[in-house]
Protein backbone atom coordinates (compact mmCIF):
# COMPACT_ATOMS: atom_id res chain seq x y z
CA UNK A 1 0.00 0.00 0.00
CA UNK A 2 3.06 2.19 0.12
CA UNK A 3 2.84 2.92 -3.61
CA UNK A 4 -0.37 4.90 -3.03
CA UNK A 5 1.69 7.68 -1.46
CA UNK A 6 4.19 7.88 -4.34
CA UNK A 7 3.66 11.29 -5.98
CA UNK A 8 5.78 10.42 -9.03
CA UNK A 9 3.59 7.42 -9.78
CA UNK A 10 0.44 9.57 -9.68
CA UNK A 11 2.09 12.16 -11.93
CA UNK A 12 2.97 9.47 -14.47
CA UNK A 13 -0.56 8.07 -14.37
CA UNK A 14 -2.01 11.56 -14.87
CA UNK A 15 0.33 12.16 -17.83
CA UNK A 16 -0.74 8.90 -19.47
CA UNK A 17 -4.41 9.73 -18.95
CA UNK A 18 -3.87 13.24 -20.37
CA UNK A 19 -2.23 11.74 -23.44
CA UNK A 20 -5.03 9.22 -23.97
CA UNK A 21 -7.72 11.90 -23.61
CA UNK A 22 -5.81 14.15 -26.04
CA UNK A 23 -5.63 11.30 -28.54
CA UNK A 24 -9.35 10.58 -28.14
CA UNK A 25 -10.29 14.22 -28.63
CA UNK A 26 -8.09 14.43 -31.73
CA UNK A 27 -9.81 11.35 -33.18
CA UNK A 28 -13.23 12.83 -32.35
CA UNK A 29 -12.19 16.07 -34.07
CA UNK A 30 -11.15 14.20 -37.22
CA UNK A 31 -14.40 12.22 -37.27
CA UNK A 32 -16.57 15.32 -36.78
CA UNK A 33 -14.62 17.39 -39.33
CA UNK A 34 -16.80 16.19 -42.22
CA UNK A 35 -20.08 17.13 -40.55
CA UNK A 36 -19.41 20.13 -38.31
CA UNK A 37 -16.21 22.15 -38.49
CA UNK A 38 -17.00 24.18 -35.36
CA UNK A 39 -17.51 21.04 -33.27
CA UNK A 40 -14.29 19.55 -34.67
CA UNK A 41 -12.41 22.74 -33.75
CA UNK A 42 -13.91 22.52 -30.26
CA UNK A 43 -12.58 18.98 -29.79
CA UNK A 44 -9.15 19.87 -31.17
CA UNK A 45 -8.99 22.91 -28.85
CA UNK A 46 -9.81 20.77 -25.82
CA UNK A 47 -7.18 18.29 -26.96
CA UNK A 48 -4.60 21.06 -27.25
CA UNK A 49 -5.43 22.27 -23.74
CA UNK A 50 -5.02 18.83 -22.15
CA UNK A 51 -1.89 17.87 -24.10
CA UNK A 52 0.92 16.93 -21.69
CA UNK A 53 3.39 19.05 -23.64
CA UNK A 54 1.20 22.19 -23.79
CA UNK A 55 3.02 23.97 -20.97
CA UNK A 56 -0.15 24.87 -19.08
CA UNK A 57 0.00 24.07 -15.36
CA UNK A 58 -2.26 21.26 -14.21
CA UNK A 59 -4.61 23.34 -12.06
CA UNK A 60 -5.29 25.75 -14.92
CA UNK A 61 -5.82 22.80 -17.29
CA UNK A 62 -8.48 21.38 -15.00
CA UNK A 63 -10.40 24.65 -14.84
CA UNK A 64 -10.17 25.19 -18.60
CA UNK A 65 -11.35 21.66 -19.30
CA UNK A 66 -14.27 21.94 -16.88
CA UNK A 67 -15.28 25.21 -18.51
CA UNK A 68 -14.95 23.64 -21.96
CA UNK A 69 -16.98 20.63 -20.89
CA UNK A 70 -19.83 22.78 -19.63
CA UNK A 71 -19.65 24.91 -22.78
CA UNK A 72 -19.87 21.72 -24.84
CA UNK A 73 -22.88 20.55 -22.84
CA UNK A 74 -24.53 23.92 -23.36
CA UNK A 75 -23.80 23.80 -27.11
CA UNK A 76 -25.12 20.21 -27.34
CA UNK A 77 -21.89 18.52 -28.42
CA UNK A 78 -22.04 15.67 -25.90
CA UNK A 79 -25.37 14.07 -26.78
PDB file of N, CA and C in Angstrom:
ATOM      1  N   UNK A   1       0.823  -1.198   0.000  1.00  0.00           N
ATOM      2  CA  UNK A   1       0.000   0.000   0.000  1.00  0.00           C
ATOM      3  C   UNK A   1       0.866   1.260   0.000  1.00  0.00           C
ATOM      4  N   UNK A   2       2.153   1.063   0.065  1.00  0.00           N
ATOM      5  CA  UNK A   2       3.058   2.194   0.122  1.00  0.00           C
ATOM      6  C   UNK A   2       3.081   2.986  -1.191  1.00  0.00           C
ATOM      7  N   UNK A   3       2.804   2.279  -2.298  1.00  0.00           N
ATOM      8  CA  UNK A   3       2.842   2.923  -3.606  1.00  0.00           C
ATOM      9  C   UNK A   3       1.738   3.965  -3.769  1.00  0.00           C
ATOM     10  N   UNK A   4       0.703   3.911  -2.943  1.00  0.00           N
ATOM     11  CA  UNK A   4      -0.374   4.897  -3.030  1.00  0.00           C
ATOM     12  C   UNK A   4       0.092   6.294  -2.635  1.00  0.00           C
ATOM     13  N   UNK A   5       1.171   6.390  -1.904  1.00  0.00           N
ATOM     14  CA  UNK A   5       1.691   7.682  -1.461  1.00  0.00           C
ATOM     15  C   UNK A   5       2.826   8.191  -2.345  1.00  0.00           C
ATOM     16  N   UNK A   6       3.112   7.488  -3.435  1.00  0.00           N
ATOM     17  CA  UNK A   6       4.192   7.879  -4.336  1.00  0.00           C
ATOM     18  C   UNK A   6       3.685   8.940  -5.310  1.00  0.00           C
ATOM     19  N   UNK A   7       4.133  10.178  -5.154  1.00  0.00           N
ATOM     20  CA  UNK A   7       3.661  11.292  -5.985  1.00  0.00           C
ATOM     21  C   UNK A   7       4.111  11.141  -7.436  1.00  0.00           C
ATOM     22  N   UNK A   8       5.293  10.588  -7.659  1.00  0.00           N
ATOM     23  CA  UNK A   8       5.781  10.422  -9.029  1.00  0.00           C
ATOM     24  C   UNK A   8       4.912   9.433  -9.807  1.00  0.00           C
ATOM     25  N   UNK A   9       4.462   8.394  -9.130  1.00  0.00           N
ATOM     26  CA  UNK A   9       3.587   7.417  -9.780  1.00  0.00           C
ATOM     27  C   UNK A   9       2.291   8.084 -10.215  1.00  0.00           C
ATOM     28  N   UNK A  10       1.696   8.887  -9.352  1.00  0.00           N
ATOM     29  CA  UNK A  10       0.438   9.566  -9.684  1.00  0.00           C
ATOM     30  C   UNK A  10       0.643  10.576 -10.805  1.00  0.00           C
ATOM     31  N   UNK A  11       1.792  11.235 -10.842  1.00  0.00           N
ATOM     32  CA  UNK A  11       2.093  12.161 -11.929  1.00  0.00           C
ATOM     33  C   UNK A  11       2.217  11.421 -13.260  1.00  0.00           C
ATOM     34  N   UNK A  12       2.854  10.262 -13.249  1.00  0.00           N
ATOM     35  CA  UNK A  12       2.968   9.466 -14.470  1.00  0.00           C
ATOM     36  C   UNK A  12       1.603   8.977 -14.941  1.00  0.00           C
ATOM     37  N   UNK A  13       0.788   8.530 -14.006  1.00  0.00           N
ATOM     38  CA  UNK A  13      -0.559   8.072 -14.366  1.00  0.00           C
ATOM     39  C   UNK A  13      -1.363   9.223 -14.958  1.00  0.00           C
ATOM     40  N   UNK A  14      -1.273  10.404 -14.358  1.00  0.00           N
ATOM     41  CA  UNK A  14      -2.006  11.559 -14.871  1.00  0.00           C
ATOM     42  C   UNK A  14      -1.506  11.954 -16.264  1.00  0.00           C
ATOM     43  N   UNK A  15      -0.219  11.847 -16.510  1.00  0.00           N
ATOM     44  CA  UNK A  15       0.329  12.165 -17.826  1.00  0.00           C
ATOM     45  C   UNK A  15      -0.169  11.186 -18.879  1.00  0.00           C
ATOM     46  N   UNK A  16      -0.230   9.908 -18.534  1.00  0.00           N
ATOM     47  CA  UNK A  16      -0.738   8.899 -19.474  1.00  0.00           C
ATOM     48  C   UNK A  16      -2.208   9.149 -19.767  1.00  0.00           C
ATOM     49  N   UNK A  17      -2.989   9.452 -18.747  1.00  0.00           N
ATOM     50  CA  UNK A  17      -4.413   9.726 -18.947  1.00  0.00           C
ATOM     51  C   UNK A  17      -4.604  10.985 -19.796  1.00  0.00           C
ATOM     52  N   UNK A  18      -3.804  12.023 -19.550  1.00  0.00           N
ATOM     53  CA  UNK A  18      -3.871  13.237 -20.371  1.00  0.00           C
ATOM     54  C   UNK A  18      -3.587  12.916 -21.837  1.00  0.00           C
ATOM     55  N   UNK A  19      -2.576  12.101 -22.079  1.00  0.00           N
ATOM     56  CA  UNK A  19      -2.225  11.744 -23.443  1.00  0.00           C
ATOM     57  C   UNK A  19      -3.348  10.960 -24.124  1.00  0.00           C
ATOM     58  N   UNK A  20      -3.951  10.023 -23.398  1.00  0.00           N
ATOM     59  CA  UNK A  20      -5.032   9.224 -23.975  1.00  0.00           C
ATOM     60  C   UNK A  20      -6.263  10.082 -24.266  1.00  0.00           C
ATOM     61  N   UNK A  21      -6.586  11.010 -23.367  1.00  0.00           N
ATOM     62  CA  UNK A  21      -7.716  11.904 -23.614  1.00  0.00           C
ATOM     63  C   UNK A  21      -7.424  12.811 -24.810  1.00  0.00           C
ATOM     64  N   UNK A  22      -6.193  13.322 -24.900  1.00  0.00           N
ATOM     65  CA  UNK A  22      -5.808  14.154 -26.038  1.00  0.00           C
ATOM     66  C   UNK A  22      -5.965  13.379 -27.344  1.00  0.00           C
ATOM     67  N   UNK A  23      -5.521  12.134 -27.351  1.00  0.00           N
ATOM     68  CA  UNK A  23      -5.632  11.298 -28.537  1.00  0.00           C
ATOM     69  C   UNK A  23      -7.101  11.057 -28.898  1.00  0.00           C
ATOM     70  N   UNK A  24      -7.926  10.780 -27.897  1.00  0.00           N
ATOM     71  CA  UNK A  24      -9.354  10.575 -28.141  1.00  0.00           C
ATOM     72  C   UNK A  24     -10.040  11.817 -28.678  1.00  0.00           C
ATOM     73  N   UNK A  25      -9.695  12.981 -28.135  1.00  0.00           N
ATOM     74  CA  UNK A  25     -10.287  14.225 -28.629  1.00  0.00           C
ATOM     75  C   UNK A  25      -9.817  14.535 -30.044  1.00  0.00           C
ATOM     76  N   UNK A  26      -8.574  14.225 -30.365  1.00  0.00           N
ATOM     77  CA  UNK A  26      -8.089  14.435 -31.731  1.00  0.00           C
ATOM     78  C   UNK A  26      -8.826  13.522 -32.715  1.00  0.00           C
ATOM     79  N   UNK A  27      -9.058  12.284 -32.331  1.00  0.00           N
ATOM     80  CA  UNK A  27      -9.809  11.350 -33.184  1.00  0.00           C
ATOM     81  C   UNK A  27     -11.243  11.829 -33.346  1.00  0.00           C
ATOM     82  N   UNK A  28     -11.856  12.299 -32.261  1.00  0.00           N
ATOM     83  CA  UNK A  28     -13.225  12.830 -32.350  1.00  0.00           C
ATOM     84  C   UNK A  28     -13.272  14.052 -33.259  1.00  0.00           C
ATOM     85  N   UNK A  29     -12.248  14.902 -33.199  1.00  0.00           N
ATOM     86  CA  UNK A  29     -12.191  16.067 -34.073  1.00  0.00           C
ATOM     87  C   UNK A  29     -12.089  15.680 -35.538  1.00  0.00           C
ATOM     88  N   UNK A  30     -11.289  14.664 -35.843  1.00  0.00           N
ATOM     89  CA  UNK A  30     -11.151  14.201 -37.223  1.00  0.00           C
ATOM     90  C   UNK A  30     -12.462  13.592 -37.712  1.00  0.00           C
ATOM     91  N   UNK A  31     -13.130  12.841 -36.883  1.00  0.00           N
ATOM     92  CA  UNK A  31     -14.402  12.224 -37.270  1.00  0.00           C
ATOM     93  C   UNK A  31     -15.467  13.281 -37.513  1.00  0.00           C
ATOM     94  N   UNK A  32     -15.540  14.286 -36.659  1.00  0.00           N
ATOM     95  CA  UNK A  32     -16.570  15.323 -36.781  1.00  0.00           C
ATOM     96  C   UNK A  32     -16.243  16.373 -37.834  1.00  0.00           C
ATOM     97  N   UNK A  33     -15.036  16.364 -38.383  1.00  0.00           N
ATOM     98  CA  UNK A  33     -14.623  17.392 -39.331  1.00  0.00           C
ATOM     99  C   UNK A  33     -15.498  17.420 -40.578  1.00  0.00           C
ATOM    100  N   UNK A  34     -15.977  16.254 -41.016  1.00  0.00           N
ATOM    101  CA  UNK A  34     -16.802  16.187 -42.223  1.00  0.00           C
ATOM    102  C   UNK A  34     -18.201  16.752 -42.004  1.00  0.00           C
ATOM    103  N   UNK A  35     -18.710  16.693 -40.788  1.00  0.00           N
ATOM    104  CA  UNK A  35     -20.085  17.125 -40.549  1.00  0.00           C
ATOM    105  C   UNK A  35     -20.181  18.513 -39.933  1.00  0.00           C
ATOM    106  N   UNK A  36     -19.311  18.842 -38.991  1.00  0.00           N
ATOM    107  CA  UNK A  36     -19.406  20.130 -38.308  1.00  0.00           C
ATOM    108  C   UNK A  36     -18.001  20.624 -37.962  1.00  0.00           C
ATOM    109  N   UNK A  37     -17.568  21.641 -38.674  1.00  0.00           N
ATOM    110  CA  UNK A  37     -16.209  22.146 -38.490  1.00  0.00           C
ATOM    111  C   UNK A  37     -16.048  22.820 -37.132  1.00  0.00           C
ATOM    112  N   UNK A  38     -17.086  23.496 -36.660  1.00  0.00           N
ATOM    113  CA  UNK A  38     -17.001  24.181 -35.365  1.00  0.00           C
ATOM    114  C   UNK A  38     -16.861  23.164 -34.232  1.00  0.00           C
ATOM    115  N   UNK A  39     -17.621  22.080 -34.292  1.00  0.00           N
ATOM    116  CA  UNK A  39     -17.507  21.041 -33.271  1.00  0.00           C
ATOM    117  C   UNK A  39     -16.139  20.365 -33.330  1.00  0.00           C
ATOM    118  N   UNK A  40     -15.624  20.140 -34.531  1.00  0.00           N
ATOM    119  CA  UNK A  40     -14.287  19.552 -34.675  1.00  0.00           C
ATOM    120  C   UNK A  40     -13.237  20.476 -34.084  1.00  0.00           C
ATOM    121  N   UNK A  41     -13.364  21.772 -34.318  1.00  0.00           N
ATOM    122  CA  UNK A  41     -12.411  22.736 -33.751  1.00  0.00           C
ATOM    123  C   UNK A  41     -12.510  22.756 -32.232  1.00  0.00           C
ATOM    124  N   UNK A  42     -13.715  22.587 -31.708  1.00  0.00           N
ATOM    125  CA  UNK A  42     -13.914  22.516 -30.257  1.00  0.00           C
ATOM    126  C   UNK A  42     -13.152  21.339 -29.666  1.00  0.00           C
ATOM    127  N   UNK A  43     -13.268  20.172 -30.286  1.00  0.00           N
ATOM    128  CA  UNK A  43     -12.576  18.981 -29.792  1.00  0.00           C
ATOM    129  C   UNK A  43     -11.057  19.135 -29.896  1.00  0.00           C
ATOM    130  N   UNK A  44     -10.590  19.688 -30.990  1.00  0.00           N
ATOM    131  CA  UNK A  44      -9.149  19.875 -31.166  1.00  0.00           C
ATOM    132  C   UNK A  44      -8.620  20.882 -30.141  1.00  0.00           C
ATOM    133  N   UNK A  45      -9.399  21.928 -29.859  1.00  0.00           N
ATOM    134  CA  UNK A  45      -8.992  22.911 -28.850  1.00  0.00           C
ATOM    135  C   UNK A  45      -8.899  22.275 -27.472  1.00  0.00           C
ATOM    136  N   UNK A  46      -9.888  21.474 -27.102  1.00  0.00           N
ATOM    137  CA  UNK A  46      -9.811  20.772 -25.818  1.00  0.00           C
ATOM    138  C   UNK A  46      -8.612  19.826 -25.780  1.00  0.00           C
ATOM    139  N   UNK A  47      -8.343  19.165 -26.896  1.00  0.00           N
ATOM    140  CA  UNK A  47      -7.176  18.285 -26.962  1.00  0.00           C
ATOM    141  C   UNK A  47      -5.869  19.047 -26.812  1.00  0.00           C
ATOM    142  N   UNK A  48      -5.815  20.248 -27.381  1.00  0.00           N
ATOM    143  CA  UNK A  48      -4.604  21.060 -27.250  1.00  0.00           C
ATOM    144  C   UNK A  48      -4.423  21.558 -25.824  1.00  0.00           C
ATOM    145  N   UNK A  49      -5.522  21.820 -25.132  1.00  0.00           N
ATOM    146  CA  UNK A  49      -5.426  22.265 -23.740  1.00  0.00           C
ATOM    147  C   UNK A  49      -4.891  21.149 -22.856  1.00  0.00           C
ATOM    148  N   UNK A  50      -5.385  19.926 -23.052  1.00  0.00           N
ATOM    149  CA  UNK A  50      -5.021  18.833 -22.149  1.00  0.00           C
ATOM    150  C   UNK A  50      -3.706  18.159 -22.534  1.00  0.00           C
ATOM    151  N   UNK A  51      -3.142  18.505 -23.668  1.00  0.00           N
ATOM    152  CA  UNK A  51      -1.893  17.867 -24.104  1.00  0.00           C
ATOM    153  C   UNK A  51      -0.812  17.989 -23.029  1.00  0.00           C
ATOM    154  N   UNK A  52      -0.116  16.893 -22.732  1.00  0.00           N
ATOM    155  CA  UNK A  52       0.916  16.929 -21.689  1.00  0.00           C
ATOM    156  C   UNK A  52       2.062  17.884 -21.997  1.00  0.00           C
ATOM    157  N   UNK A  53       2.288  18.186 -23.250  1.00  0.00           N
ATOM    158  CA  UNK A  53       3.392  19.051 -23.641  1.00  0.00           C
ATOM    159  C   UNK A  53       2.939  20.480 -23.917  1.00  0.00           C
ATOM    160  N   UNK A  54       1.729  20.855 -23.485  1.00  0.00           N
ATOM    161  CA  UNK A  54       1.198  22.190 -23.790  1.00  0.00           C
ATOM    162  C   UNK A  54       1.840  23.287 -22.955  1.00  0.00           C
ATOM    163  N   UNK A  55       2.370  22.966 -21.801  1.00  0.00           N
ATOM    164  CA  UNK A  55       3.018  23.968 -20.965  1.00  0.00           C
ATOM    165  C   UNK A  55       2.072  24.683 -20.016  1.00  0.00           C
ATOM    166  N   UNK A  56       0.819  24.282 -19.991  1.00  0.00           N
ATOM    167  CA  UNK A  56      -0.150  24.870 -19.078  1.00  0.00           C
ATOM    168  C   UNK A  56      -0.085  24.088 -17.768  1.00  0.00           C
ATOM    169  N   UNK A  57      -0.076  24.790 -16.634  1.00  0.00           N
ATOM    170  CA  UNK A  57       0.004  24.071 -15.358  1.00  0.00           C
ATOM    171  C   UNK A  57      -1.285  23.278 -15.129  1.00  0.00           C
ATOM    172  N   UNK A  58      -1.176  22.238 -14.347  1.00  0.00           N
ATOM    173  CA  UNK A  58      -2.263  21.264 -14.208  1.00  0.00           C
ATOM    174  C   UNK A  58      -3.546  21.859 -13.618  1.00  0.00           C
ATOM    175  N   UNK A  59      -3.413  22.748 -12.660  1.00  0.00           N
ATOM    176  CA  UNK A  59      -4.606  23.336 -12.057  1.00  0.00           C
ATOM    177  C   UNK A  59      -5.375  24.168 -13.087  1.00  0.00           C
ATOM    178  N   UNK A  60      -4.660  24.927 -13.884  1.00  0.00           N
ATOM    179  CA  UNK A  60      -5.292  25.746 -14.918  1.00  0.00           C
ATOM    180  C   UNK A  60      -5.927  24.858 -15.981  1.00  0.00           C
ATOM    181  N   UNK A  61      -5.259  23.748 -16.326  1.00  0.00           N
ATOM    182  CA  UNK A  61      -5.823  22.799 -17.288  1.00  0.00           C
ATOM    183  C   UNK A  61      -7.171  22.286 -16.806  1.00  0.00           C
ATOM    184  N   UNK A  62      -7.234  21.942 -15.531  1.00  0.00           N
ATOM    185  CA  UNK A  62      -8.475  21.382 -14.997  1.00  0.00           C
ATOM    186  C   UNK A  62      -9.620  22.375 -15.097  1.00  0.00           C
ATOM    187  N   UNK A  63      -9.356  23.636 -14.766  1.00  0.00           N
ATOM    188  CA  UNK A  63     -10.403  24.652 -14.845  1.00  0.00           C
ATOM    189  C   UNK A  63     -10.812  24.918 -16.290  1.00  0.00           C
ATOM    190  N   UNK A  64      -9.851  24.977 -17.198  1.00  0.00           N
ATOM    191  CA  UNK A  64     -10.172  25.190 -18.603  1.00  0.00           C
ATOM    192  C   UNK A  64     -10.983  24.032 -19.173  1.00  0.00           C
ATOM    193  N   UNK A  65     -10.623  22.815 -18.799  1.00  0.00           N
ATOM    194  CA  UNK A  65     -11.354  21.655 -19.303  1.00  0.00           C
ATOM    195  C   UNK A  65     -12.757  21.578 -18.728  1.00  0.00           C
ATOM    196  N   UNK A  66     -12.916  21.907 -17.455  1.00  0.00           N
ATOM    197  CA  UNK A  66     -14.266  21.935 -16.882  1.00  0.00           C
ATOM    198  C   UNK A  66     -15.121  22.990 -17.565  1.00  0.00           C
ATOM    199  N   UNK A  67     -14.550  24.163 -17.793  1.00  0.00           N
ATOM    200  CA  UNK A  67     -15.281  25.206 -18.505  1.00  0.00           C
ATOM    201  C   UNK A  67     -15.632  24.778 -19.916  1.00  0.00           C
ATOM    202  N   UNK A  68     -14.692  24.143 -20.615  1.00  0.00           N
ATOM    203  CA  UNK A  68     -14.955  23.642 -21.956  1.00  0.00           C
ATOM    204  C   UNK A  68     -15.998  22.544 -21.976  1.00  0.00           C
ATOM    205  N   UNK A  69     -15.975  21.689 -20.966  1.00  0.00           N
ATOM    206  CA  UNK A  69     -16.975  20.627 -20.891  1.00  0.00           C
ATOM    207  C   UNK A  69     -18.374  21.209 -20.724  1.00  0.00           C
ATOM    208  N   UNK A  70     -18.520  22.174 -19.826  1.00  0.00           N
ATOM    209  CA  UNK A  70     -19.830  22.775 -19.628  1.00  0.00           C
ATOM    210  C   UNK A  70     -20.264  23.585 -20.844  1.00  0.00           C
ATOM    211  N   UNK A  71     -19.327  24.220 -21.534  1.00  0.00           N
ATOM    212  CA  UNK A  71     -19.645  24.912 -22.780  1.00  0.00           C
ATOM    213  C   UNK A  71     -20.115  23.916 -23.829  1.00  0.00           C
ATOM    214  N   UNK A  72     -19.459  22.763 -23.907  1.00  0.00           N
ATOM    215  CA  UNK A  72     -19.869  21.716 -24.838  1.00  0.00           C
ATOM    216  C   UNK A  72     -21.234  21.144 -24.505  1.00  0.00           C
ATOM    217  N   UNK A  73     -21.539  20.995 -23.214  1.00  0.00           N
ATOM    218  CA  UNK A  73     -22.875  20.548 -22.838  1.00  0.00           C
ATOM    219  C   UNK A  73     -23.924  21.573 -23.228  1.00  0.00           C
ATOM    220  N   UNK A  74     -23.613  22.838 -23.006  1.00  0.00           N
ATOM    221  CA  UNK A  74     -24.529  23.919 -23.355  1.00  0.00           C
ATOM    222  C   UNK A  74     -24.744  23.979 -24.867  1.00  0.00           C
ATOM    223  N   UNK A  75     -23.703  23.755 -25.643  1.00  0.00           N
ATOM    224  CA  UNK A  75     -23.795  23.799 -27.106  1.00  0.00           C
ATOM    225  C   UNK A  75     -24.409  22.524 -27.686  1.00  0.00           C
ATOM    226  N   UNK A  76     -24.494  21.456 -26.883  1.00  0.00           N
ATOM    227  CA  UNK A  76     -25.119  20.213 -27.338  1.00  0.00           C
ATOM    228  C   UNK A  76     -24.158  19.271 -28.031  1.00  0.00           C
ATOM    229  N   UNK A  77     -22.860  19.383 -27.760  1.00  0.00           N
ATOM    230  CA  UNK A  77     -21.886  18.524 -28.419  1.00  0.00           C
ATOM    231  C   UNK A  77     -21.797  17.129 -27.817  1.00  0.00           C
ATOM    232  N   UNK A  78     -22.183  16.949 -26.579  1.00  0.00           N
ATOM    233  CA  UNK A  78     -22.040  15.667 -25.895  1.00  0.00           C
ATOM    234  C   UNK A  78     -23.392  14.968 -25.742  1.00  0.00           C
ATOM    235  N   UNK A  79     -24.058  14.733 -26.839  1.00  0.00           N
ATOM    236  CA  UNK A  79     -25.374  14.071 -26.781  1.00  0.00           C
ATOM    237  C   UNK A  79     -25.260  12.587 -26.754  1.00  0.00           C
TER     238      UNK A  79
END
